[in-house]
Amino acid sequence: MKIFSTLAAIALISLSAMTFADAANRKVDIVNGTTKDIAEFYASNTGTDDWEEDILGQDVLAPDETFEADIDDGTGACFFDFKAVFSDGTSHIQKKVNVCKVSTFTYTNN
């Protein structure tokens, strides 16, 4: 009976930890701290080789503006690669952003 109780407790702890990770907030404020418009923004699970769809769609993120992006792709992943494409055609990629812990990500002029 003790073994069953111990196994049940371990299963409950594992399930609770998994539920916590799944329930993590993956909304990130993307801040344009540059002097150029961000014309496109992508966030793809670090485990994939392709960029997902442009989260901004038809919108443009002007300098000093903020956009709340829901980065949840349904996999429960926390690490995503970000790509911003600016109005002049240049882009900036930031790899392995932990969207479960980061609530704001700012693009700045280098």
PDB file of N, CA and C in Angstrom:
ATOM      1  N   MET A   1       0.818  -1.191   0.000  1.00  0.00           N
ATOM      2  CA  MET A   1       0.000   0.000   0.000  1.00  0.00           C
ATOM      3  C   MET A   1       0.863   1.258   0.000  1.00  0.00           C
ATOM      4  N   LYS A   2       2.003   1.221   0.721  1.00  0.00           N
ATOM      5  CA  LYS A   2       2.896   2.383   0.743  1.00  0.00           C
ATOM      6  C   LYS A   2       3.450   2.663  -0.652  1.00  0.00           C
ATOM      7  N   ILE A   3       3.768   1.600  -1.400  1.00  0.00           N
ATOM      8  CA  ILE A   3       4.307   1.790  -2.747  1.00  0.00           C
ATOM      9  C   ILE A   3       3.261   2.476  -3.632  1.00  0.00           C
ATOM     10  N   PHE A   4       2.009   2.038  -3.540  1.00  0.00           N
ATOM     11  CA  PHE A   4       0.938   2.653  -4.321  1.00  0.00           C
ATOM     12  C   PHE A   4       0.778   4.127  -3.970  1.00  0.00           C
ATOM     13  N   SER A   5       0.828   4.447  -2.677  1.00  0.00           N
ATOM     14  CA  SER A   5       0.689   5.836  -2.232  1.00  0.00           C
ATOM     15  C   SER A   5       1.841   6.692  -2.754  1.00  0.00           C
ATOM     16  N   THR A   6       3.041   6.150  -2.705  1.00  0.00           N
ATOM     17  CA  THR A   6       4.212   6.871  -3.184  1.00  0.00           C
ATOM     18  C   THR A   6       4.111   7.114  -4.689  1.00  0.00           C
ATOM     19  N   LEU A   7       3.729   6.070  -5.444  1.00  0.00           N
ATOM     20  CA  LEU A   7       3.586   6.228  -6.889  1.00  0.00           C
ATOM     21  C   LEU A   7       2.483   7.227  -7.243  1.00  0.00           C
ATOM     22  N   ALA A   8       1.410   7.197  -6.500  1.00  0.00           N
ATOM     23  CA  ALA A   8       0.318   8.143  -6.736  1.00  0.00           C
ATOM     24  C   ALA A   8       0.772   9.574  -6.466  1.00  0.00           C
ATOM     25  N   ALA A   9       1.545   9.762  -5.410  1.00  0.00           N
ATOM     26  CA  ALA A   9       2.053  11.093  -5.086  1.00  0.00           C
ATOM     27  C   ALA A   9       2.998  11.595  -6.170  1.00  0.00           C
ATOM     28  N   ILE A  10       3.869  10.724  -6.667  1.00  0.00           N
ATOM     29  CA  ILE A  10       4.805  11.104  -7.738  1.00  0.00           C
ATOM     30  C   ILE A  10       4.034  11.467  -8.998  1.00  0.00           C
ATOM     31  N   ALA A  11       3.020  10.682  -9.322  1.00  0.00           N
ATOM     32  CA  ALA A  11       2.211  10.968 -10.506  1.00  0.00           C
ATOM     33  C   ALA A  11       1.503  12.311 -10.370  1.00  0.00           C
ATOM     34  N   LEU A  12       0.988  12.599  -9.185  1.00  0.00           N
ATOM     35  CA  LEU A  12       0.290  13.864  -8.957  1.00  0.00           C
ATOM     36  C   LEU A  12       1.247  15.047  -9.081  1.00  0.00           C
ATOM     37  N   ILE A  13       2.439  14.918  -8.528  1.00  0.00           N
ATOM     38  CA  ILE A  13       3.441  15.981  -8.626  1.00  0.00           C
ATOM     39  C   ILE A  13       3.838  16.192 -10.087  1.00  0.00           C
ATOM     40  N   SER A  14       4.053  15.121 -10.833  1.00  0.00           N
ATOM     41  CA  SER A  14       4.418  15.226 -12.246  1.00  0.00           C
ATOM     42  C   SER A  14       3.312  15.892 -13.038  1.00  0.00           C
ATOM     43  N   LEU A  15       2.074  15.510 -12.782  1.00  0.00           N
ATOM     44  CA  LEU A  15       0.940  16.097 -13.480  1.00  0.00           C
ATOM     45  C   LEU A  15       0.810  17.578 -13.153  1.00  0.00           C
ATOM     46  N   SER A  16       1.028  17.938 -11.889  1.00  0.00           N
ATOM     47  CA  SER A  16       0.950  19.345 -11.482  1.00  0.00           C
ATOM     48  C   SER A  16       2.025  20.166 -12.172  1.00  0.00           C
ATOM     49  N   ALA A  17       3.230  19.642 -12.259  1.00  0.00           N
ATOM     50  CA  ALA A  17       4.328  20.359 -12.913  1.00  0.00           C
ATOM     51  C   ALA A  17       4.029  20.529 -14.395  1.00  0.00           C
ATOM     52  N   MET A  18       3.495  19.496 -15.031  1.00  0.00           N
ATOM     53  CA  MET A  18       3.175  19.572 -16.440  1.00  0.00           C
ATOM     54  C   MET A  18       2.049  20.583 -16.667  1.00  0.00           C
ATOM     55  N   THR A  19       1.059  20.588 -15.827  1.00  0.00           N
ATOM     56  CA  THR A  19      -0.045  21.528 -15.949  1.00  0.00           C
ATOM     57  C   THR A  19       0.451  22.954 -15.779  1.00  0.00           C
ATOM     58  N   PHE A  20       1.375  23.188 -14.852  1.00  0.00           N
ATOM     59  CA  PHE A  20       1.928  24.523 -14.645  1.00  0.00           C
ATOM     60  C   PHE A  20       2.653  25.008 -15.897  1.00  0.00           C
ATOM     61  N   ALA A  21       3.469  24.137 -16.493  1.00  0.00           N
ATOM     62  CA  ALA A  21       4.202  24.521 -17.704  1.00  0.00           C
ATOM     63  C   ALA A  21       3.239  24.798 -18.845  1.00  0.00           C
ATOM     64  N   ASP A  22       2.202  23.967 -18.967  1.00  0.00           N
ATOM     65  CA  ASP A  22       1.232  24.161 -20.030  1.00  0.00           C
ATOM     66  C   ASP A  22       0.449  25.458 -19.845  1.00  0.00           C
ATOM     67  N   ALA A  23       0.248  25.861 -18.599  1.00  0.00           N
ATOM     68  CA  ALA A  23      -0.553  27.043 -18.311  1.00  0.00           C
ATOM     69  C   ALA A  23       0.261  28.328 -18.286  1.00  0.00           C
ATOM     70  N   ALA A  24       1.552  28.242 -18.555  1.00  0.00           N
ATOM     71  CA  ALA A  24       2.409  29.425 -18.506  1.00  0.00           C
ATOM     72  C   ALA A  24       1.921  30.472 -19.507  1.00  0.00           C
ATOM     73  N   ASN A  25       2.009  31.711 -19.115  1.00  0.00           N
ATOM     74  CA  ASN A  25       1.604  32.827 -19.970  1.00  0.00           C
ATOM     75  C   ASN A  25       2.647  32.999 -21.070  1.00  0.00           C
ATOM     76  N   ARG A  26       2.207  32.956 -22.293  1.00  0.00           N
ATOM     77  CA  ARG A  26       3.115  33.119 -23.423  1.00  0.00           C
ATOM     78  C   ARG A  26       2.807  34.406 -24.202  1.00  0.00           C
ATOM     79  N   LYS A  27       2.227  35.377 -23.517  1.00  0.00           N
ATOM     80  CA  LYS A  27       1.978  36.675 -24.143  1.00  0.00           C
ATOM     81  C   LYS A  27       3.177  37.575 -23.873  1.00  0.00           C
ATOM     82  N   VAL A  28       3.706  38.152 -24.938  1.00  0.00           N
ATOM     83  CA  VAL A  28       4.904  38.979 -24.839  1.00  0.00           C
ATOM     84  C   VAL A  28       4.629  40.307 -25.529  1.00  0.00           C
ATOM     85  N   ASP A  29       4.931  41.402 -24.833  1.00  0.00           N
ATOM     86  CA  ASP A  29       4.849  42.725 -25.443  1.00  0.00           C
ATOM     87  C   ASP A  29       6.094  42.934 -26.299  1.00  0.00           C
ATOM     88  N   ILE A  30       5.891  43.120 -27.590  1.00  0.00           N
ATOM     89  CA  ILE A  30       6.986  43.388 -28.514  1.00  0.00           C
ATOM     90  C   ILE A  30       7.065  44.904 -28.661  1.00  0.00           C
ATOM     91  N   VAL A  31       8.208  45.454 -28.287  1.00  0.00           N
ATOM     92  CA  VAL A  31       8.402  46.907 -28.290  1.00  0.00           C
ATOM     93  C   VAL A  31       9.359  47.278 -29.416  1.00  0.00           C
ATOM     94  N   ASN A  32       8.943  48.231 -30.222  1.00  0.00           N
ATOM     95  CA  ASN A  32       9.811  48.733 -31.274  1.00  0.00           C
ATOM     96  C   ASN A  32      10.569  49.942 -30.736  1.00  0.00           C
ATOM     97  N   GLY A  33      11.774  49.704 -30.266  1.00  0.00           N
ATOM     98  CA  GLY A  33      12.623  50.768 -29.750  1.00  0.00           C
ATOM     99  C   GLY A  33      13.598  51.277 -30.794  1.00  0.00           C
ATOM    100  N   THR A  34      13.299  50.994 -32.064  1.00  0.00           N
ATOM    101  CA  THR A  34      14.177  51.440 -33.152  1.00  0.00           C
ATOM    102  C   THR A  34      13.603  52.699 -33.797  1.00  0.00           C
ATOM    103  N   THR A  35      14.267  53.153 -34.844  1.00  0.00           N
ATOM    104  CA  THR A  35      13.792  54.320 -35.597  1.00  0.00           C
ATOM    105  C   THR A  35      13.089  53.913 -36.887  1.00  0.00           C
ATOM    106  N   LYS A  36      12.903  52.592 -37.101  1.00  0.00           N
ATOM    107  CA  LYS A  36      12.264  52.080 -38.320  1.00  0.00           C
ATOM    108  C   LYS A  36      10.999  51.316 -37.948  1.00  0.00           C
ATOM    109  N   ASP A  37      10.039  51.283 -38.872  1.00  0.00           N
ATOM    110  CA  ASP A  37       8.849  50.455 -38.680  1.00  0.00           C
ATOM    111  C   ASP A  37       9.226  48.981 -38.732  1.00  0.00           C
ATOM    112  N   ILE A  38       8.562  48.181 -37.902  1.00  0.00           N
ATOM    113  CA  ILE A  38       8.653  46.726 -38.043  1.00  0.00           C
ATOM    114  C   ILE A  38       7.479  46.320 -38.917  1.00  0.00           C
ATOM    115  N   ALA A  39       7.790  45.813 -40.112  1.00  0.00           N
ATOM    116  CA  ALA A  39       6.761  45.457 -41.084  1.00  0.00           C
ATOM    117  C   ALA A  39       6.255  44.035 -40.888  1.00  0.00           C
ATOM    118  N   GLU A  40       7.108  43.153 -40.352  1.00  0.00           N
ATOM    119  CA  GLU A  40       6.739  41.752 -40.143  1.00  0.00           C
ATOM    120  C   GLU A  40       7.360  41.278 -38.833  1.00  0.00           C
ATOM    121  N   PHE A  41       6.630  40.400 -38.140  1.00  0.00           N
ATOM    122  CA  PHE A  41       7.176  39.799 -36.916  1.00  0.00           C
ATOM    123  C   PHE A  41       6.801  38.326 -36.881  1.00  0.00           C
ATOM    124  N   TYR A  42       7.806  37.490 -36.643  1.00  0.00           N
ATOM    125  CA  TYR A  42       7.618  36.045 -36.601  1.00  0.00           C
ATOM    126  C   TYR A  42       8.122  35.499 -35.269  1.00  0.00           C
ATOM    127  N   ALA A  43       7.448  34.483 -34.764  1.00  0.00           N
ATOM    128  CA  ALA A  43       7.898  33.760 -33.578  1.00  0.00           C
ATOM    129  C   ALA A  43       7.692  32.290 -33.858  1.00  0.00           C
ATOM    130  N   SER A  44       8.778  31.532 -33.906  1.00  0.00           N
ATOM    131  CA  SER A  44       8.694  30.111 -34.207  1.00  0.00           C
ATOM    132  C   SER A  44       9.354  29.302 -33.109  1.00  0.00           C
ATOM    133  N   ASN A  45       8.737  28.196 -32.764  1.00  0.00           N
ATOM    134  CA  ASN A  45       9.281  27.274 -31.784  1.00  0.00           C
ATOM    135  C   ASN A  45      10.740  26.988 -32.145  1.00  0.00           C
ATOM    136  N   THR A  46      11.621  27.082 -31.166  1.00  0.00           N
ATOM    137  CA  THR A  46      13.046  26.882 -31.409  1.00  0.00           C
ATOM    138  C   THR A  46      13.336  25.526 -32.048  1.00  0.00           C
ATOM    139  N   GLY A  47      12.469  24.560 -31.847  1.00  0.00           N
ATOM    140  CA  GLY A  47      12.674  23.224 -32.410  1.00  0.00           C
ATOM    141  C   GLY A  47      12.296  23.096 -33.871  1.00  0.00           C
ATOM    142  N   THR A  48      11.816  24.163 -34.510  1.00  0.00           N
ATOM    143  CA  THR A  48      11.417  24.085 -35.917  1.00  0.00           C
ATOM    144  C   THR A  48      12.410  24.830 -36.793  1.00  0.00           C
ATOM    145  N   ASP A  49      12.410  24.482 -38.070  1.00  0.00           N
ATOM    146  CA  ASP A  49      13.319  25.115 -39.024  1.00  0.00           C
ATOM    147  C   ASP A  49      12.656  26.198 -39.860  1.00  0.00           C
ATOM    148  N   ASP A  50      11.337  26.332 -39.732  1.00  0.00           N
ATOM    149  CA  ASP A  50      10.599  27.285 -40.549  1.00  0.00           C
ATOM    150  C   ASP A  50      10.005  28.387 -39.683  1.00  0.00           C
ATOM    151  N   TRP A  51       9.845  29.569 -40.276  1.00  0.00           N
ATOM    152  CA  TRP A  51       9.155  30.662 -39.603  1.00  0.00           C
ATOM    153  C   TRP A  51       7.666  30.452 -39.764  1.00  0.00           C
ATOM    154  N   GLU A  52       6.921  30.689 -38.710  1.00  0.00           N
ATOM    155  CA  GLU A  52       5.464  30.599 -38.773  1.00  0.00           C
ATOM    156  C   GLU A  52       4.937  31.830 -39.504  1.00  0.00           C
ATOM    157  N   GLU A  53       3.607  32.059 -39.466  1.00  0.00           N
ATOM    158  CA  GLU A  53       3.051  33.215 -40.178  1.00  0.00           C
ATOM    159  C   GLU A  53       3.441  34.523 -39.488  1.00  0.00           C
ATOM    160  N   ASP A  54       3.360  35.595 -40.258  1.00  0.00           N
ATOM    161  CA  ASP A  54       3.638  36.943 -39.765  1.00  0.00           C
ATOM    162  C   ASP A  54       2.566  37.315 -38.742  1.00  0.00           C
ATOM    163  N   ILE A  55       2.954  37.468 -37.489  1.00  0.00           N
ATOM    164  CA  ILE A  55       2.000  37.757 -36.411  1.00  0.00           C
ATOM    165  C   ILE A  55       1.369  39.132 -36.583  1.00  0.00           C
ATOM    166  N   LEU A  56       2.086  40.086 -37.163  1.00  0.00           N
ATOM    167  CA  LEU A  56       1.532  41.420 -37.364  1.00  0.00           C
ATOM    168  C   LEU A  56       0.483  41.450 -38.476  1.00  0.00           C
ATOM    169  N   GLY A  57       0.560  40.513 -39.395  1.00  0.00           N
ATOM    170  CA  GLY A  57      -0.383  40.501 -40.507  1.00  0.00           C
ATOM    171  C   GLY A  57      -0.246  41.761 -41.335  1.00  0.00           C
ATOM    172  N   GLN A  58      -1.326  42.509 -41.492  1.00  0.00           N
ATOM    173  CA  GLN A  58      -1.318  43.743 -42.274  1.00  0.00           C
ATOM    174  C   GLN A  58      -0.839  44.947 -41.457  1.00  0.00           C
ATOM    175  N   ASP A  59      -0.698  44.764 -40.145  1.00  0.00           N
ATOM    176  CA  ASP A  59      -0.286  45.866 -39.271  1.00  0.00           C
ATOM    177  C   ASP A  59       1.208  46.135 -39.382  1.00  0.00           C
ATOM    178  N   VAL A  60       1.600  47.316 -38.963  1.00  0.00           N
ATOM    179  CA  VAL A  60       3.001  47.729 -38.892  1.00  0.00           C
ATOM    180  C   VAL A  60       3.232  48.248 -37.482  1.00  0.00           C
ATOM    181  N   LEU A  61       4.374  47.908 -36.912  1.00  0.00           N
ATOM    182  CA  LEU A  61       4.728  48.387 -35.572  1.00  0.00           C
ATOM    183  C   LEU A  61       5.688  49.570 -35.725  1.00  0.00           C
ATOM    184  N   ALA A  62       5.174  50.757 -35.527  1.00  0.00           N
ATOM    185  CA  ALA A  62       5.960  51.981 -35.685  1.00  0.00           C
ATOM    186  C   ALA A  62       6.931  52.149 -34.514  1.00  0.00           C
ATOM    187  N   PRO A  63       7.953  53.000 -34.675  1.00  0.00           N
ATOM    188  CA  PRO A  63       8.875  53.268 -33.569  1.00  0.00           C
ATOM    189  C   PRO A  63       8.122  53.714 -32.314  1.00  0.00           C
ATOM    190  N   ASP A  64       8.573  53.229 -31.174  1.00  0.00           N
ATOM    191  CA  ASP A  64       8.006  53.530 -29.859  1.00  0.00           C
ATOM    192  C   ASP A  64       6.624  52.923 -29.625  1.00  0.00           C
ATOM    193  N   GLU A  65       6.158  52.060 -30.508  1.00  0.00           N
ATOM    194  CA  GLU A  65       4.897  51.363 -30.295  1.00  0.00           C
ATOM    195  C   GLU A  65       5.137  49.974 -29.722  1.00  0.00           C
ATOM    196  N   THR A  66       4.092  49.433 -29.086  1.00  0.00           N
ATOM    197  CA  THR A  66       4.140  48.103 -28.473  1.00  0.00           C
ATOM    198  C   THR A  66       2.990  47.269 -29.011  1.00  0.00           C
ATOM    199  N   PHE A  67       3.273  46.001 -29.231  1.00  0.00           N
ATOM    200  CA  PHE A  67       2.277  45.054 -29.724  1.00  0.00           C
ATOM    201  C   PHE A  67       2.289  43.837 -28.812  1.00  0.00           C
ATOM    202  N   GLU A  68       1.125  43.425 -28.303  1.00  0.00           N
ATOM    203  CA  GLU A  68       1.066  42.219 -27.475  1.00  0.00           C
ATOM    204  C   GLU A  68       0.893  41.011 -28.386  1.00  0.00           C
ATOM    205  N   ALA A  69       1.878  40.124 -28.355  1.00  0.00           N
ATOM    206  CA  ALA A  69       1.850  38.922 -29.187  1.00  0.00           C
ATOM    207  C   ALA A  69       1.590  37.706 -28.309  1.00  0.00           C
ATOM    208  N   ASP A  70       0.648  36.871 -28.728  1.00  0.00           N
ATOM    209  CA  ASP A  70       0.391  35.599 -28.054  1.00  0.00           C
ATOM    210  C   ASP A  70       1.237  34.559 -28.767  1.00  0.00           C
ATOM    211  N   ILE A  71       2.300  34.114 -28.115  1.00  0.00           N
ATOM    212  CA  ILE A  71       3.302  33.263 -28.748  1.00  0.00           C
ATOM    213  C   ILE A  71       2.974  31.771 -28.585  1.00  0.00           C
ATOM    214  N   ASP A  72       1.868  31.425 -27.991  1.00  0.00           N
ATOM    215  CA  ASP A  72       1.498  30.034 -27.736  1.00  0.00           C
ATOM    216  C   ASP A  72       1.153  29.321 -29.038  1.00  0.00           C
ATOM    217  N   ASP A  73       1.931  28.291 -29.393  1.00  0.00           N
ATOM    218  CA  ASP A  73       1.659  27.523 -30.615  1.00  0.00           C
ATOM    219  C   ASP A  73       0.960  26.201 -30.329  1.00  0.00           C
ATOM    220  N   GLY A  74       0.562  25.993 -29.068  1.00  0.00           N
ATOM    221  CA  GLY A  74      -0.155  24.786 -28.704  1.00  0.00           C
ATOM    222  C   GLY A  74       0.716  23.603 -28.324  1.00  0.00           C
ATOM    223  N   THR A  75       2.042  23.752 -28.410  1.00  0.00           N
ATOM    224  CA  THR A  75       2.939  22.631 -28.101  1.00  0.00           C
ATOM    225  C   THR A  75       3.369  22.613 -26.638  1.00  0.00           C
ATOM    226  N   GLY A  76       3.154  23.702 -25.917  1.00  0.00           N
ATOM    227  CA  GLY A  76       3.630  23.799 -24.547  1.00  0.00           C
ATOM    228  C   GLY A  76       5.070  24.276 -24.456  1.00  0.00           C
ATOM    229  N   ALA A  77       5.680  24.577 -25.605  1.00  0.00           N
ATOM    230  CA  ALA A  77       7.081  25.025 -25.630  1.00  0.00           C
ATOM    231  C   ALA A  77       7.215  26.413 -25.028  1.00  0.00           C
ATOM    232  N   CYS A  78       8.362  26.679 -24.441  1.00  0.00           N
ATOM    233  CA  CYS A  78       8.650  27.991 -23.879  1.00  0.00           C
ATOM    234  C   CYS A  78       9.696  28.758 -24.692  1.00  0.00           C
ATOM    235  N   PHE A  79      10.520  28.065 -25.457  1.00  0.00           N
ATOM    236  CA  PHE A  79      11.599  28.730 -26.184  1.00  0.00           C
ATOM    237  C   PHE A  79      11.232  28.930 -27.650  1.00  0.00           C
ATOM    238  N   PHE A  80      11.307  30.199 -28.059  1.00  0.00           N
ATOM    239  CA  PHE A  80      10.956  30.581 -29.424  1.00  0.00           C
ATOM    240  C   PHE A  80      12.035  31.484 -30.000  1.00  0.00           C
ATOM    241  N   ASP A  81      12.184  31.421 -31.320  1.00  0.00           N
ATOM    242  CA  ASP A  81      13.057  32.336 -32.044  1.00  0.00           C
ATOM    243  C   ASP A  81      12.178  33.459 -32.579  1.00  0.00           C
ATOM    244  N   PHE A  82      12.643  34.699 -32.443  1.00  0.00           N
ATOM    245  CA  PHE A  82      11.918  35.869 -32.926  1.00  0.00           C
ATOM    246  C   PHE A  82      12.631  36.430 -34.151  1.00  0.00           C
ATOM    247  N   LYS A  83      11.831  36.906 -35.101  1.00  0.00           N
ATOM    248  CA  LYS A  83      12.390  37.575 -36.272  1.00  0.00           C
ATOM    249  C   LYS A  83      11.549  38.814 -36.581  1.00  0.00           C
ATOM    250  N   ALA A  84      12.201  39.957 -36.603  1.00  0.00           N
ATOM    251  CA  ALA A  84      11.557  41.206 -37.007  1.00  0.00           C
ATOM    252  C   ALA A  84      12.128  41.608 -38.355  1.00  0.00           C
ATOM    253  N   VAL A  85      11.225  41.955 -39.283  1.00  0.00           N
ATOM    254  CA  VAL A  85      11.633  42.469 -40.590  1.00  0.00           C
ATOM    255  C   VAL A  85      11.229  43.934 -40.617  1.00  0.00           C
ATOM    256  N   PHE A  86      12.203  44.783 -40.841  1.00  0.00           N
ATOM    257  CA  PHE A  86      11.978  46.222 -40.809  1.00  0.00           C
ATOM    258  C   PHE A  86      11.569  46.754 -42.180  1.00  0.00           C
ATOM    259  N   SER A  87      11.036  47.956 -42.197  1.00  0.00           N
ATOM    260  CA  SER A  87      10.507  48.563 -43.423  1.00  0.00           C
ATOM    261  C   SER A  87      11.573  48.747 -44.502  1.00  0.00           C
ATOM    262  N   ASP A  88      12.837  48.795 -44.103  1.00  0.00           N
ATOM    263  CA  ASP A  88      13.912  48.948 -45.101  1.00  0.00           C
ATOM    264  C   ASP A  88      14.431  47.602 -45.610  1.00  0.00           C
ATOM    265  N   GLY A  89      13.777  46.491 -45.179  1.00  0.00           N
ATOM    266  CA  GLY A  89      14.160  45.161 -45.653  1.00  0.00           C
ATOM    267  C   GLY A  89      15.159  44.431 -44.767  1.00  0.00           C
ATOM    268  N   THR A  90      15.765  45.126 -43.813  1.00  0.00           N
ATOM    269  CA  THR A  90      16.695  44.459 -42.907  1.00  0.00           C
ATOM    270  C   THR A  90      15.889  43.653 -41.884  1.00  0.00           C
ATOM    271  N   SER A  91      16.565  42.719 -41.244  1.00  0.00           N
ATOM    272  CA  SER A  91      15.876  41.912 -40.235  1.00  0.00           C
ATOM    273  C   SER A  91      16.788  41.657 -39.046  1.00  0.00           C
ATOM    274  N   HIS A  92      16.175  41.289 -37.951  1.00  0.00           N
ATOM    275  CA  HIS A  92      16.903  40.939 -36.731  1.00  0.00           C
ATOM    276  C   HIS A  92      16.287  39.671 -36.171  1.00  0.00           C
ATOM    277  N   ILE A  93      17.143  38.678 -35.914  1.00  0.00           N
ATOM    278  CA  ILE A  93      16.698  37.406 -35.349  1.00  0.00           C
ATOM    279  C   ILE A  93      17.268  37.257 -33.949  1.00  0.00           C
ATOM    280  N   GLN A  94      16.408  36.910 -33.014  1.00  0.00           N
ATOM    281  CA  GLN A  94      16.829  36.609 -31.641  1.00  0.00           C
ATOM    282  C   GLN A  94      16.411  35.176 -31.351  1.00  0.00           C
ATOM    283  N   LYS A  95      17.372  34.339 -31.040  1.00  0.00           N
ATOM    284  CA  LYS A  95      17.098  32.920 -30.811  1.00  0.00           C
ATOM    285  C   LYS A  95      16.861  32.632 -29.331  1.00  0.00           C
ATOM    286  N   LYS A  96      16.062  31.600 -29.087  1.00  0.00           N
ATOM    287  CA  LYS A  96      15.811  31.028 -27.756  1.00  0.00           C
ATOM    288  C   LYS A  96      15.295  32.021 -26.724  1.00  0.00           C
ATOM    289  N   VAL A  97      14.246  32.749 -27.075  1.00  0.00           N
ATOM    290  CA  VAL A  97      13.590  33.639 -26.117  1.00  0.00           C
ATOM    291  C   VAL A  97      12.631  32.792 -25.291  1.00  0.00           C
ATOM    292  N   ASN A  98      12.752  32.855 -23.980  1.00  0.00           N
ATOM    293  CA  ASN A  98      11.880  32.082 -23.093  1.00  0.00           C
ATOM    294  C   ASN A  98      10.591  32.866 -22.868  1.00  0.00           C
ATOM    295  N   VAL A  99       9.569  32.556 -23.661  1.00  0.00           N
ATOM    296  CA  VAL A  99       8.317  33.305 -23.598  1.00  0.00           C
ATOM    297  C   VAL A  99       7.484  32.956 -22.372  1.00  0.00           C
ATOM    298  N   CYS A 100       7.895  31.933 -21.616  1.00  0.00           N
ATOM    299  CA  CYS A 100       7.207  31.605 -20.353  1.00  0.00           C
ATOM    300  C   CYS A 100       7.687  32.517 -19.223  1.00  0.00           C
ATOM    301  N   LYS A 101       8.847  33.140 -19.406  1.00  0.00           N
ATOM    302  CA  LYS A 101       9.419  33.990 -18.361  1.00  0.00           C
ATOM    303  C   LYS A 101       9.530  35.458 -18.776  1.00  0.00           C
ATOM    304  N   VAL A 102       9.616  35.724 -20.068  1.00  0.00           N
ATOM    305  CA  VAL A 102       9.788  37.089 -20.560  1.00  0.00           C
ATOM    306  C   VAL A 102       8.413  37.671 -20.885  1.00  0.00           C
ATOM    307  N   SER A 103       8.124  38.848 -20.357  1.00  0.00           N
ATOM    308  CA  SER A 103       6.844  39.478 -20.668  1.00  0.00           C
ATOM    309  C   SER A 103       6.992  40.636 -21.649  1.00  0.00           C
ATOM    310  N   THR A 104       8.234  41.107 -21.843  1.00  0.00           N
ATOM    311  CA  THR A 104       8.492  42.204 -22.770  1.00  0.00           C
ATOM    312  C   THR A 104       9.782  41.915 -23.528  1.00  0.00           C
ATOM    313  N   PHE A 105       9.757  42.140 -24.841  1.00  0.00           N
ATOM    314  CA  PHE A 105      10.958  42.000 -25.650  1.00  0.00           C
ATOM    315  C   PHE A 105      11.080  43.276 -26.494  1.00  0.00           C
ATOM    316  N   THR A 106      12.228  43.955 -26.390  1.00  0.00           N
ATOM    317  CA  THR A 106      12.412  45.241 -27.067  1.00  0.00           C
ATOM    318  C   THR A 106      13.466  45.149 -28.153  1.00  0.00           C
ATOM    319  N   TYR A 107      13.111  45.586 -29.345  1.00  0.00           N
ATOM    320  CA  TYR A 107      14.073  45.745 -30.424  1.00  0.00           C
ATOM    321  C   TYR A 107      14.664  47.137 -30.308  1.00  0.00           C
ATOM    322  N   THR A 108      15.999  47.237 -30.369  1.00  0.00           N
ATOM    323  CA  THR A 108      16.667  48.529 -30.262  1.00  0.00           C
ATOM    324  C   THR A 108      17.617  48.711 -31.441  1.00  0.00           C
ATOM    325  N   ASN A 109      17.997  49.976 -31.682  1.00  0.00           N
ATOM    326  CA  ASN A 109      19.033  50.246 -32.682  1.00  0.00           C
ATOM    327  C   ASN A 109      20.347  49.741 -32.129  1.00  0.00           C
ATOM    328  N   ASN A 110      21.121  49.112 -32.963  1.00  0.00           N
ATOM    329  CA  ASN A 110      22.421  48.590 -32.495  1.00  0.00           C
ATOM    330  C   ASN A 110      23.507  49.596 -32.605  1.00  0.00           C
TER     331      ASN A 110
END
